[in-house]
Amino acid sequence: MSMGLTVPRYTVDDLEHFPHDGNRYELLDGVLLVTPGPGPMHQIIASRLSFILGNAVQVTGLGYVVGPGTVTRPPLTHLEPDILVFPSHFPINSKWFELSTNWLAVEILSRSSHFYDRNFKVDAYFALGVREVWLVDPRAKSIEVWRAKGVSEVHTRTLTWRVWDAGIRVDIDTLELFAGVE
């Protein structure tokens, strides 16, 4: 006779009671995902990418670029992409769960997060209505672009991101993005 394993399930409200210890606490259908806080290389890449996206989206008034952002659907799902881009028609004082449109979620892969990011969070973002997901890999110096569930392409030189209905076009030079990364 085997004994079943009980996995605790949490809610978005439960996250308020977790420690503020530098770890990232996320929920995927009630299952807790815990990863260490990001290091300097991770944050530098996030900052560079946010700057590039922000110049195209925020400066023009078309959208917002935040990092980390939150894609949440209470009561059981709360994900925090390293960068989140959403249209500016949402008031700046909106609650995360009120953002019904997210143009882009970016995850910068690390040794501690790559498994969850690739195998669980990409599909979850699409299920939550995110239009596009990027997995930025500093070790491979590449950006894996997901525009639909199960379909991706890897960019190692340049990447052009478009939001057709907003008239946005951003060209990203991956060599510049990963400059100094060894």
Foldseek 3Di string as FASTA:
>chain_A
DDDDDDAAFFWPVVVVVDDPPQWDWWFDQRHTDIFHHDDDLLVLLLVVVLVQVCVQDVVVQFWDKDAQAWQDDPTTGIDTARIWIAGNVDDPPDDNPPRQETAEGEHEDDPRCPCCVPPPVVVVCVVSHHQKYWYQYLVLLWIWIDRDPPDIDIDNAKDWDDDPVSGTITIDGSCVSNPPRD
